[in-house]
Protein backbone atom coordinates (compact mmCIF):
# COMPACT_ATOMS: atom_id res chain seq x y z
CA MET A 1 86.84 84.24 74.00
CA SER A 2 83.03 85.16 73.95
CA GLU A 3 82.02 88.81 74.04
CA LEU A 4 82.27 90.48 77.43
CA LYS A 5 79.03 90.86 79.23
CA PRO A 6 77.96 94.64 79.58
CA SER A 7 77.71 96.11 83.06
CA LEU A 8 74.80 98.25 84.47
CA MET A 9 77.69 100.80 84.86
CA ASP A 10 78.11 101.00 81.11
CA TYR A 11 74.99 103.17 80.79
CA THR A 12 73.74 106.67 81.51
CA LEU A 13 70.60 107.07 83.37
CA LYS A 14 68.67 107.78 80.14
CA GLU A 15 70.01 104.72 78.36
CA LEU A 16 68.99 102.55 81.23
CA GLU A 17 65.43 104.04 81.20
CA SER A 18 65.22 102.83 77.60
CA LEU A 19 66.27 99.35 78.61
CA ILE A 20 64.54 98.75 81.80
CA SER A 21 60.91 99.27 82.60
CA PRO A 22 59.09 100.67 84.53
CA LYS A 23 61.33 103.79 84.47
CA PHE A 24 61.01 104.48 88.28
CA ARG A 25 63.02 101.17 88.89
CA VAL A 26 65.96 102.78 87.10
CA LYS A 27 66.49 105.54 89.58
CA GLN A 28 66.20 102.83 92.39
CA ILE A 29 68.85 100.75 90.52
CA TYR A 30 70.99 103.90 90.07
CA GLY A 31 70.74 104.46 93.81
CA TRP A 32 71.86 100.88 94.57
CA LEU A 33 74.87 101.26 92.23
CA TYR A 34 76.18 104.67 93.09
CA HIS A 35 74.82 105.37 96.62
CA HIS A 36 74.98 102.01 98.17
CA TYR A 37 77.74 100.51 95.93
CA ALA A 38 75.84 97.34 95.37
CA SER A 39 78.05 94.73 93.58
CA VAL A 40 75.52 91.91 93.13
CA TYR A 41 71.76 91.96 92.35
CA GLU A 42 70.97 90.39 95.86
CA ASP A 43 71.98 93.76 97.41
CA MET A 44 69.24 95.57 95.76
CA LYS A 45 66.60 95.07 98.30
CA ASN A 46 63.52 96.87 96.78
CA ILE A 47 63.87 95.53 93.35
CA PRO A 48 61.40 92.66 92.48
CA LYS A 49 63.08 89.23 92.12
CA ALA A 50 61.80 88.73 88.49
CA LEU A 51 63.32 92.02 87.35
CA LYS A 52 66.67 91.11 89.13
CA GLU A 53 66.65 87.71 87.50
CA GLU A 54 65.97 89.19 83.92
CA LEU A 55 68.74 91.81 84.48
CA ASP A 56 71.21 89.12 85.76
CA GLU A 57 70.92 87.29 82.42
CA LYS A 58 72.01 90.41 80.45
CA TYR A 59 74.21 92.61 82.62
CA LEU A 60 76.72 92.43 85.26
CA VAL A 61 76.51 94.84 88.25
CA ASN A 62 80.15 95.60 88.98
CA PRO A 63 82.43 94.33 86.18
CA LEU A 64 85.52 94.13 88.31
CA SER A 65 86.99 92.85 91.68
CA ILE A 66 89.89 93.66 93.78
CA LYS A 67 92.67 91.20 93.13
CA ASN A 68 95.48 92.95 95.19
CA LYS A 69 96.27 96.10 97.02
CA GLU A 70 99.14 97.74 98.78
CA GLU A 71 98.84 100.62 101.36
CA SER A 72 101.44 103.13 101.87
CA THR A 73 102.29 104.81 105.23
CA ASP A 74 100.96 108.17 103.61
CA GLY A 75 97.58 106.68 103.04
CA THR A 76 97.94 106.11 99.34
CA ILE A 77 96.49 102.69 98.27
CA LYS A 78 97.31 101.02 95.03
CA TYR A 79 94.81 98.53 93.73
CA LEU A 80 95.19 95.84 91.07
CA LEU A 81 91.70 95.19 89.71
CA GLU A 82 90.52 92.16 87.75
CA LEU A 83 88.15 92.31 84.95
CA GLN A 84 85.67 89.66 83.90
CA ASP A 85 88.11 88.32 81.26
CA GLY A 86 90.88 87.84 83.82
CA LYS A 87 92.82 90.98 82.52
CA THR A 88 94.01 93.25 85.14
CA MET A 89 94.77 96.94 85.56
CA GLU A 90 95.38 99.52 88.34
CA ALA A 91 93.66 102.41 90.21
CA VAL A 92 95.04 104.48 93.04
CA TRP A 93 93.43 106.02 96.13
CA LEU A 94 95.32 109.20 96.92
CA LYS A 95 94.87 111.14 100.16
CA MET A 96 95.38 114.83 99.22
CA LYS A 97 94.56 116.62 102.41
CA ASP A 98 94.25 115.37 105.97
CA GLU A 99 91.12 115.80 108.02
CA GLN A 100 90.93 119.04 110.03
CA LEU A 101 89.65 119.28 113.57
CA ASP A 102 88.51 122.45 115.48
CA GLU A 103 89.42 123.26 119.02
CA SER A 104 86.65 120.95 120.30
CA GLY A 105 87.85 118.12 118.36
CA ASN A 106 85.05 118.24 115.95
CA ILE A 107 85.72 117.76 112.25
CA CYS A 108 85.63 121.16 110.50
CA GLN A 109 87.07 119.84 107.11
CA GLU A 110 86.95 116.37 105.93
CA ALA A 111 89.99 114.68 104.44
CA LYS A 112 90.21 115.22 100.59
CA TYR A 113 90.79 112.37 98.21
CA THR A 114 91.59 111.88 94.57
CA ILE A 115 91.20 108.51 92.56
CA CYS A 116 93.63 107.92 89.70
CA VAL A 117 91.86 105.71 87.12
CA SER A 118 92.99 103.65 84.23
CA THR A 119 91.35 103.77 80.78
CA GLN A 120 93.00 100.81 79.02
CA VAL A 121 94.56 97.48 79.85
CA GLY A 122 98.15 98.34 78.83
CA CYS A 123 98.90 101.28 76.61
CA LYS A 124 99.78 101.96 72.95
CA VAL A 125 101.91 105.03 73.59
CA GLY A 126 105.03 103.18 74.59
CA CYS A 127 106.75 105.82 76.72
CA THR A 128 110.20 104.69 77.51
CA PHE A 129 110.08 105.65 81.20
CA CYS A 130 106.79 103.94 81.86
CA LEU A 131 106.53 100.29 83.17
CA THR A 132 103.07 99.93 81.68
CA ALA A 133 104.62 100.21 78.18
CA LYS A 134 106.62 96.99 78.83
CA GLY A 135 103.36 94.94 78.69
CA GLY A 136 102.15 96.49 75.58
CA PHE A 137 98.46 97.13 74.72
CA THR A 138 95.83 94.61 75.48
CA ARG A 139 92.46 96.50 75.03
CA ASP A 140 90.35 99.48 75.83
CA LEU A 141 88.32 99.62 79.03
CA SER A 142 84.51 99.99 78.60
CA ALA A 143 82.78 103.07 80.21
CA GLY A 144 81.48 100.85 82.87
CA GLU A 145 84.98 99.52 83.74
CA ILE A 146 86.21 103.02 84.03
CA VAL A 147 83.22 104.04 86.26
CA ALA A 148 83.53 100.85 88.31
CA GLN A 149 87.09 101.74 89.51
CA VAL A 150 85.67 104.75 91.36
CA VAL A 151 82.73 102.97 92.85
CA THR A 152 84.94 99.97 93.99
CA LEU A 153 87.49 102.26 95.60
CA LYS A 154 84.88 104.43 97.37
CA LYS A 155 83.30 101.26 98.60
CA ASP A 156 86.53 99.86 99.80
CA ASN A 157 87.35 103.08 101.77
CA ASN A 158 83.78 103.58 103.20
CA HIS A 159 83.64 106.90 101.31
CA LYS A 160 79.90 107.90 101.23
CA HIS A 161 78.53 108.66 97.80
CA SER A 162 77.77 112.31 98.95
CA ARG A 163 81.39 112.98 99.93
CA LYS A 164 83.33 114.89 97.20
CA ILE A 165 86.14 113.14 95.23
CA ASN A 166 88.28 114.17 92.41
CA ILE A 167 89.11 111.87 89.55
CA VAL A 168 92.24 111.87 87.40
CA TYR A 169 92.44 109.78 84.22
CA MET A 170 96.13 109.28 84.78
CA GLY A 171 96.52 105.55 85.33
CA MET A 172 97.20 102.77 82.82
CA GLY A 173 96.61 103.73 79.32
CA GLU A 174 96.19 106.89 77.14
CA PRO A 175 92.66 108.29 77.80
CA LEU A 176 92.25 110.04 74.51
CA ASP A 177 92.93 106.73 72.70
CA ASN A 178 89.73 105.52 74.25
CA LEU A 179 87.88 108.74 73.78
CA THR A 180 84.38 107.32 73.22
CA ASN A 181 84.35 105.36 76.43
CA LEU A 182 86.21 108.06 78.35
CA ALA A 183 83.53 110.61 77.43
CA LYS A 184 80.82 108.35 78.38
CA ALA A 185 82.30 107.57 81.72
CA ILE A 186 82.69 111.32 82.34
CA GLU A 187 79.04 111.78 81.66
CA ILE A 188 77.96 108.82 83.87
CA PHE A 189 80.07 110.36 86.72
CA LYS A 190 78.30 113.69 86.28
CA GLU A 191 74.71 112.16 86.62
CA ASP A 192 72.82 113.83 89.53
CA GLU A 193 71.04 110.59 90.39
CA GLY A 194 74.53 108.81 90.63
CA LEU A 195 77.85 109.99 91.97
CA SER A 196 77.38 113.54 90.83
CA ILE A 197 81.05 114.31 90.25
CA GLY A 198 81.08 117.43 88.12
CA GLY A 199 83.37 118.06 85.16
CA LYS A 200 85.44 120.49 87.17
CA ARG A 201 86.37 117.64 89.53
CA GLN A 202 87.62 115.49 86.58
CA THR A 203 90.98 115.86 84.82
CA VAL A 204 92.03 114.11 81.75
CA SER A 205 95.78 113.54 81.50
CA THR A 206 97.15 113.07 77.95
CA SER A 207 100.51 112.36 76.52
CA GLY A 208 99.61 114.75 73.87
CA LEU A 209 97.33 113.29 71.01
CA SER A 210 96.88 116.75 69.51
CA SER A 211 93.96 115.86 67.14
CA LYS A 212 92.11 114.20 69.96
CA ILE A 213 92.60 117.07 72.37
CA ASP A 214 90.63 119.04 69.80
CA LYS A 215 87.84 116.33 69.77
CA LEU A 216 87.64 116.28 73.53
CA GLY A 217 87.38 120.06 73.47
CA GLU A 218 84.54 119.85 70.97
CA MET A 219 82.60 117.60 73.23
CA ASP A 220 82.70 120.47 75.85
CA LEU A 221 82.44 118.18 78.78
CA GLY A 222 83.61 120.77 81.37
CA VAL A 223 86.69 118.72 82.39
CA HIS A 224 90.21 119.97 83.01
CA ILE A 225 93.01 118.86 80.79
CA ALA A 226 96.61 117.96 81.96
CA ILE A 227 99.43 117.59 79.38
CA SER A 228 102.18 115.15 80.12
CA LEU A 229 104.94 117.23 78.51
CA HIS A 230 108.19 115.84 80.20
CA ALA A 231 110.49 117.63 77.68
CA VAL A 232 110.99 120.92 76.11
CA ASP A 233 112.38 119.87 72.66
CA ASP A 234 111.17 117.41 70.21
CA GLU A 235 114.41 115.47 70.18
CA LEU A 236 114.23 114.47 73.90
CA ARG A 237 110.41 114.14 73.89
CA SER A 238 110.56 111.70 70.88
CA GLU A 239 113.07 109.62 73.02
CA LEU A 240 110.78 109.55 75.99
CA ILE A 241 107.49 109.42 74.12
CA PRO A 242 107.89 107.95 70.63
CA MET A 243 104.53 109.09 69.67
CA ASN A 244 105.89 112.71 69.70
CA LYS A 245 107.11 112.11 66.04
CA ALA A 246 103.29 112.21 64.96
CA HIS A 247 102.21 114.84 67.61
CA ASN A 248 105.05 117.22 68.26
CA ILE A 249 105.34 119.81 70.84
CA GLN A 250 104.01 122.63 68.75
CA SER A 251 100.93 120.69 67.59
CA ILE A 252 100.16 120.11 71.24
CA MET A 253 100.54 123.72 72.28
CA ASP A 254 98.30 124.78 69.42
CA ALA A 255 95.59 122.25 70.49
CA VAL A 256 95.79 123.42 74.15
CA LYS A 257 95.14 127.03 73.06
CA ARG A 258 92.06 125.91 71.22
CA PHE A 259 90.74 123.86 74.31
CA PRO A 260 87.72 125.39 76.06
CA ILE A 261 89.12 126.40 79.48
CA ASP A 262 87.26 128.00 82.40
CA THR A 263 88.68 131.51 82.43
CA ARG A 264 89.53 131.05 86.26
CA LYS A 265 91.49 127.77 85.55
CA ARG A 266 94.96 126.88 84.22
CA VAL A 267 96.02 124.21 81.98
CA MET A 268 98.21 121.69 83.94
CA PHE A 269 101.52 120.60 82.40
CA GLU A 270 102.99 117.43 83.97
CA TYR A 271 106.81 117.47 83.88
CA LEU A 272 108.38 114.22 84.90
CA VAL A 273 111.93 115.19 85.99
CA ILE A 274 114.52 112.63 85.20
CA LYS A 275 118.15 113.09 86.50
CA GLY A 276 120.59 114.23 83.76
CA LYS A 277 117.89 114.30 81.12
CA ASN A 278 115.57 117.38 81.69
CA ASP A 279 116.41 118.62 85.21
CA ASP A 280 118.80 121.42 84.29
CA ILE A 281 118.19 125.18 84.18
CA ALA A 282 118.65 125.27 80.40
CA SER A 283 115.38 123.07 80.22
CA ALA A 284 113.78 125.32 82.72
CA LYS A 285 114.39 128.32 80.53
CA LYS A 286 113.01 126.62 77.36
CA LEU A 287 109.89 125.61 79.52
CA VAL A 288 109.28 129.31 80.34
CA LYS A 289 109.56 130.27 76.79
CA LEU A 290 107.41 127.48 75.56
CA LEU A 291 104.47 128.31 78.00
CA ALA A 292 104.78 132.09 77.76
CA ASP A 293 101.32 132.66 76.16
CA ILE A 294 99.32 129.92 77.90
CA LYS A 295 97.67 130.29 81.31
CA ALA A 296 99.60 127.33 82.71
CA LYS A 297 100.57 125.58 85.85
CA VAL A 298 103.52 123.29 85.93
CA ASN A 299 103.49 120.13 88.09
CA LEU A 300 106.98 118.86 88.65
CA ILE A 301 107.10 114.97 89.24
CA TYR A 302 109.90 113.04 90.58
CA PHE A 303 110.65 110.06 88.34
CA ASN A 304 109.84 106.91 90.38
CA PRO A 305 112.38 104.29 89.67
CA TYR A 306 111.55 100.60 89.07
CA PRO A 307 113.65 97.56 88.51
CA GLY A 308 115.40 97.62 84.97
CA THR A 309 114.72 101.23 84.13
CA PRO A 310 117.70 103.15 82.67
CA TYR A 311 116.40 106.51 84.29
CA HIS A 312 117.16 107.98 87.68
CA ARG A 313 115.36 110.01 90.21
CA PRO A 314 116.53 113.63 90.41
CA SER A 315 117.98 115.19 93.60
CA LYS A 316 115.72 117.32 95.79
CA ALA A 317 118.12 120.34 95.10
CA SER A 318 117.76 120.14 91.29
CA MET A 319 113.94 119.91 91.71
CA LEU A 320 113.92 123.01 93.84
CA SER A 321 116.27 125.06 91.70
CA PHE A 322 114.10 124.10 88.66
CA GLN A 323 110.91 125.17 90.45
CA GLU A 324 112.57 128.30 91.67
CA TYR A 325 113.47 129.41 88.14
CA LEU A 326 110.07 128.86 86.76
CA VAL A 327 108.38 130.73 89.72
CA LYS A 328 110.84 133.63 89.35
CA HIS A 329 109.80 133.91 85.74
CA GLY A 330 106.08 134.01 86.25
CA LEU A 331 105.06 130.33 86.07
CA LEU A 332 102.86 128.80 88.78
CA CYS A 333 104.71 125.68 89.70
CA THR A 334 104.38 122.89 92.31
CA ILE A 335 106.44 119.82 92.99
CA ARG A 336 104.11 116.90 93.46
CA ASP A 337 104.50 114.95 96.68
CA SER A 338 105.80 111.45 95.93
CA LYS A 339 102.98 109.46 97.01
CA GLY A 340 103.20 105.69 97.87
CA ILE A 341 106.94 105.51 97.37
CA ASP A 342 107.13 102.68 99.77
CA ILE A 343 104.84 100.57 97.72
CA SER A 344 104.48 99.64 94.05
CA ALA A 345 103.69 103.33 93.16
CA ALA A 346 105.05 103.64 89.65
CA CYS A 347 102.19 103.07 87.02
CA GLY A 348 102.04 99.40 86.13
CA GLN A 349 104.39 98.27 88.99
CA LEU A 350 101.83 96.42 91.04
CA LYS A 351 100.47 94.63 87.98
CA GLU A 352 103.99 93.55 86.92
CA LYS A 353 104.91 92.50 90.45
CA VAL A 354 101.94 90.33 90.84
CA GLU A 355 102.30 88.75 87.46
CA VAL A 356 105.97 88.00 88.10
CA GLU A 357 105.08 86.44 91.49
CA GLY A 358 102.39 84.41 89.83
CA GLU A 359 104.92 83.01 87.10
CA GLY A 360 107.14 81.95 90.00
CA GLU A 361 104.53 80.05 91.67
CA ALA A 362 103.50 78.15 88.58
């Protein structure tokens, strides 16, 4: 296949200023992209026709489109997004807090949302509990394909550019395996003339590429980091995450300690709780010991079952006792609400479902 056409969303403001003249047009284009969510050049009303035609030959506006979506009763929306080469990946719109009204019925606090974005088509890591791993790795997403997920979901939900949004790089793919494009997307999101999403509103979730945690830290992008830990000893972690053999738990802990953290913030450790695997109090004790000298917060996550998985969802009682033990021993710990459990919520599930249905129709 021929090389993919770049998108305007692949570039920072400064880069576009070196590609497009006159410079003042770039700020106008940036406004159309990130304030008005333009998806085609025809939307850009104050840009000269000749310039739009010239740009159209070289660059796409938005490099992806919505192929499918499923909405949960809790407001979670799972999107299957199609790229220009026909490949698909997922992004999720998560409602974190409901709108608050005062006594007069006026909005005193707007609803709060987070967008979970993908960084790759497929994934190289091969976690045994993850449906994305079944499809293997296809390719990295460009910076513009990462950025376009947020623009597309904000547009689809009529979410004004000026309204705050949080981004978690926690969708399909290992973000640090695509570090160059990830870092560029982070910078594009931060542009004041664009979406103006600061580093403190962006969280990079990694399965623990310790050497690349160091590289991300050296870039000093101001983002938060979340570690997908899921196990407290190397034997179980290597079963769940084969990559652990190359990046063991100790190497991850050492890299986290070197990572530049805002002194007021904590490092998030994601712990996927699987029945009979890592939901016992002995594991909780080991977790307390492991995180003893790190300013940490633990996020316990119910395993979300999908057809064919050998793993099972833990009981609510075991989740609560696990949390209680951590809290009693000084760890800040939350249980993540299971969002979108009535839809294809597990990572890779909607993609798999649509592809299977497509094969059935062929």
